[in-house]
Structures are given as C-alpha cells and as structure tokens.
C-alpha cells in the first residue's frame, strides 16, 4: 500500500517526490513522445489528404479541358471547316482536283 497514489497526494504534490514517480519517469517521457508523434502524424496525414483532394479536382478539370480541346480541334480540322476558314480569311487557296501522287526514290 506504500506505492499507491491517492487524490490527497496528487493535490498537495507530495507524490512527485516519491520513489514511484521517479521510477515512472522514463515511461512518462516515452508516452509523451508517442503522444507528440501521434499528433504530428495525424496533422501530416490530414495535410496529404487535403493536397490529394485538391489534385484530384485539378485532374478532373484538366481532363475536361483536354476533351473539350480535342473535340474542338477535330471539328476545325474537318475538310468543310478548313474550306470555310480559307474563304473567311481570303487566302486564295484552291481545293485540289486530283489525288496526291506518291514519290518513289530509288536507292
């Protein structure tokens, strides 16, 4: 019963001078270290989670922009649209009446 800590001993601070407390100091330091490490780890995990969700939103936006750009480029590269753009800019280009010819080089 000599090693028990009572409420009276805690209130008046006499338990700090007892041998039991001195024996528990390394364990208390270890628990304090683990608590601080746990809190830091939690903050780090939350930070990574926030960054990940921000990057996920950016990826979704960039994917949508990529699809929009691709469809726009496919639309303006159609033959009919190219002809319209040439006429609109008055480039005086004419559509070829003959198919392209292959050029063969002998080695």
C-alpha atoms as a PDB file:
ATOM      1  CA  UNK A   1       0.000   0.000   0.000  1.00  0.00           C
ATOM      2  CA  UNK A   2       3.042   2.142   0.223  1.00  0.00           C
ATOM      3  CA  UNK A   3       3.167   2.723  -3.575  1.00  0.00           C
ATOM      4  CA  UNK A   4      -0.450   3.851  -4.083  1.00  0.00           C
ATOM      5  CA  UNK A   5      -1.108   7.408  -5.200  1.00  0.00           C
ATOM      6  CA  UNK A   6      -4.103   8.991  -3.519  1.00  0.00           C
ATOM      7  CA  UNK A   7      -6.004  12.136  -4.522  1.00  0.00           C
ATOM      8  CA  UNK A   8      -4.644  13.963  -1.469  1.00  0.00           C
ATOM      9  CA  UNK A   9      -1.063  13.188  -2.551  1.00  0.00           C
ATOM     10  CA  UNK A  10      -1.772  14.480  -6.080  1.00  0.00           C
ATOM     11  CA  UNK A  11      -3.362  17.702  -4.827  1.00  0.00           C
ATOM     12  CA  UNK A  12      -0.570  18.610  -2.415  1.00  0.00           C
ATOM     13  CA  UNK A  13       2.136  17.439  -4.850  1.00  0.00           C
ATOM     14  CA  UNK A  14       3.787  15.028  -2.457  1.00  0.00           C
ATOM     15  CA  UNK A  15       3.580  12.179  -4.994  1.00  0.00           C
ATOM     16  CA  UNK A  16       6.236  13.964  -7.092  1.00  0.00           C
ATOM     17  CA  UNK A  17       8.896  13.261  -4.512  1.00  0.00           C
ATOM     18  CA  UNK A  18       8.055   9.627  -4.029  1.00  0.00           C
ATOM     19  CA  UNK A  19      10.081   6.796  -5.480  1.00  0.00           C
ATOM     20  CA  UNK A  20       7.157   5.501  -7.527  1.00  0.00           C
ATOM     21  CA  UNK A  21       7.010   8.673  -9.574  1.00  0.00           C
ATOM     22  CA  UNK A  22      10.754   8.654 -10.150  1.00  0.00           C
ATOM     23  CA  UNK A  23      10.543   5.064 -11.367  1.00  0.00           C
ATOM     24  CA  UNK A  24       7.758   6.023 -13.785  1.00  0.00           C
ATOM     25  CA  UNK A  25       9.606   8.990 -15.351  1.00  0.00           C
ATOM     26  CA  UNK A  26      11.104   7.098 -18.331  1.00  0.00           C
ATOM     27  CA  UNK A  27       7.707   5.575 -19.084  1.00  0.00           C
ATOM     28  CA  UNK A  28       6.028   9.011 -18.872  1.00  0.00           C
ATOM     29  CA  UNK A  29       8.627  10.514 -21.208  1.00  0.00           C
ATOM     30  CA  UNK A  30       8.045   7.664 -23.632  1.00  0.00           C
ATOM     31  CA  UNK A  31       4.261   8.194 -23.525  1.00  0.00           C
ATOM     32  CA  UNK A  32       4.756  11.942 -24.030  1.00  0.00           C
ATOM     33  CA  UNK A  33       6.970  11.271 -27.048  1.00  0.00           C
ATOM     34  CA  UNK A  34       4.419   8.849 -28.517  1.00  0.00           C
ATOM     35  CA  UNK A  35       1.610  11.368 -27.990  1.00  0.00           C
ATOM     36  CA  UNK A  36       3.532  14.157 -29.726  1.00  0.00           C
ATOM     37  CA  UNK A  37       4.492  11.806 -32.558  1.00  0.00           C
ATOM     38  CA  UNK A  38       0.867  10.674 -32.953  1.00  0.00           C
ATOM     39  CA  UNK A  39      -0.410  14.269 -33.118  1.00  0.00           C
ATOM     40  CA  UNK A  40       2.248  15.225 -35.681  1.00  0.00           C
ATOM     41  CA  UNK A  41       1.499  12.160 -37.764  1.00  0.00           C
ATOM     42  CA  UNK A  42      -2.207  12.997 -37.739  1.00  0.00           C
ATOM     43  CA  UNK A  43      -1.573  16.573 -38.949  1.00  0.00           C
ATOM     44  CA  UNK A  44       0.723  15.291 -41.687  1.00  0.00           C
ATOM     45  CA  UNK A  45      -1.874  12.737 -42.852  1.00  0.00           C
ATOM     46  CA  UNK A  46      -4.604  15.401 -42.970  1.00  0.00           C
ATOM     47  CA  UNK A  47      -2.334  17.702 -44.985  1.00  0.00           C
ATOM     48  CA  UNK A  48      -1.626  14.945 -47.508  1.00  0.00           C
ATOM     49  CA  UNK A  49      -5.348  14.140 -47.740  1.00  0.00           C
ATOM     50  CA  UNK A  50      -6.193  17.809 -48.454  1.00  0.00           C
ATOM     51  CA  UNK A  51      -3.472  18.045 -51.118  1.00  0.00           C
ATOM     52  CA  UNK A  52      -4.703  14.822 -52.695  1.00  0.00           C
ATOM     53  CA  UNK A  53      -8.282  16.066 -52.941  1.00  0.00           C
ATOM     54  CA  UNK A  54      -7.093  19.365 -54.469  1.00  0.00           C
ATOM     55  CA  UNK A  55      -5.025  17.468 -57.045  1.00  0.00           C
ATOM     56  CA  UNK A  56      -7.994  15.207 -57.812  1.00  0.00           C
ATOM     57  CA  UNK A  57     -10.139  18.256 -58.608  1.00  0.00           C
ATOM     58  CA  UNK A  58      -7.374  19.700 -60.801  1.00  0.00           C
ATOM     59  CA  UNK A  59      -7.104  16.408 -62.699  1.00  0.00           C
ATOM     60  CA  UNK A  60     -10.854  16.384 -63.325  1.00  0.00           C
ATOM     61  CA  UNK A  61     -10.736  19.971 -64.625  1.00  0.00           C
ATOM     62  CA  UNK A  62      -7.729  19.275 -66.851  1.00  0.00           C
ATOM     63  CA  UNK A  63      -9.346  16.111 -68.210  1.00  0.00           C
ATOM     64  CA  UNK A  64     -12.498  18.053 -69.106  1.00  0.00           C
ATOM     65  CA  UNK A  65     -10.390  20.779 -70.736  1.00  0.00           C
ATOM     66  CA  UNK A  66      -8.459  18.149 -72.692  1.00  0.00           C
ATOM     67  CA  UNK A  67     -11.648  16.559 -74.002  1.00  0.00           C
ATOM     68  CA  UNK A  68     -13.044  19.967 -74.983  1.00  0.00           C
ATOM     69  CA  UNK A  69      -9.835  20.955 -76.774  1.00  0.00           C
ATOM     70  CA  UNK A  70      -9.624  17.626 -78.596  1.00  0.00           C
ATOM     71  CA  UNK A  71     -13.202  17.843 -79.820  1.00  0.00           C
ATOM     72  CA  UNK A  72     -12.686  21.452 -80.942  1.00  0.00           C
ATOM     73  CA  UNK A  73      -9.524  20.523 -82.867  1.00  0.00           C
ATOM     74  CA  UNK A  74     -11.283  17.587 -84.512  1.00  0.00           C
ATOM     75  CA  UNK A  75     -14.140  19.880 -85.529  1.00  0.00           C
ATOM     76  CA  UNK A  76     -11.962  22.595 -87.078  1.00  0.00           C
ATOM     77  CA  UNK A  77      -9.776  20.054 -88.878  1.00  0.00           C
ATOM     78  CA  UNK A  78     -12.693  18.681 -90.887  1.00  0.00           C
ATOM     79  CA  UNK A  79     -12.377  19.384 -94.590  1.00  0.00           C
ATOM     80  CA  UNK A  80     -15.532  21.502 -94.730  1.00  0.00           C
ATOM     81  CA  UNK A  81     -14.384  23.672 -91.811  1.00  0.00           C
ATOM     82  CA  UNK A  82     -10.928  24.155 -93.345  1.00  0.00           C
ATOM     83  CA  UNK A  83     -12.557  25.341 -96.586  1.00  0.00           C
ATOM     84  CA  UNK A  84     -14.732  27.776 -94.623  1.00  0.00           C
ATOM     85  CA  UNK A  85     -11.716  29.170 -92.769  1.00  0.00           C
ATOM     86  CA  UNK A  86      -9.750  29.586 -96.008  1.00  0.00           C
ATOM     87  CA  UNK A  87     -12.619  31.501 -97.604  1.00  0.00           C
ATOM     88  CA  UNK A  88     -13.154  33.571 -94.474  1.00  0.00           C
ATOM     89  CA  UNK A  89      -9.505  34.640 -94.338  1.00  0.00           C
ATOM     90  CA  UNK A  90      -9.385  35.199 -98.127  1.00  0.00           C
ATOM     91  CA  UNK A  91      -6.259  33.115 -98.694  1.00  0.00           C
ATOM     92  CA  UNK A  92      -6.992  32.339-102.362  1.00  0.00           C
ATOM     93  CA  UNK A  93      -6.252  28.651-101.931  1.00  0.00           C
ATOM     94  CA  UNK A  94      -8.000  26.155-104.173  1.00  0.00           C
ATOM     95  CA  UNK A  95      -9.023  22.618-103.458  1.00  0.00           C
ATOM     96  CA  UNK A  96      -7.049  20.028-105.393  1.00  0.00           C
ATOM     97  CA  UNK A  97      -8.963  18.184-108.086  1.00  0.00           C
ATOM     98  CA  UNK A  98      -6.510  15.282-108.273  1.00  0.00           C
ATOM     99  CA  UNK A  99      -5.437  12.868-105.574  1.00  0.00           C
ATOM    100  CA  UNK A 100      -1.881  13.191-104.260  1.00  0.00           C
ATOM    101  CA  UNK A 101       0.858  11.242-106.012  1.00  0.00           C
ATOM    102  CA  UNK A 102       3.473   9.114-104.332  1.00  0.00           C
ATOM    103  CA  UNK A 103       7.106   9.916-104.967  1.00  0.00           C
ATOM    104  CA  UNK A 104       9.445   6.944-105.097  1.00  0.00           C
ATOM    105  CA  UNK A 105      13.179   7.319-104.649  1.00  0.00           C
ATOM    106  CA  UNK A 106      15.446   4.610-105.979  1.00  0.00           C
ATOM    107  CA  UNK A 107      18.419   3.695-103.872  1.00  0.00           C
END
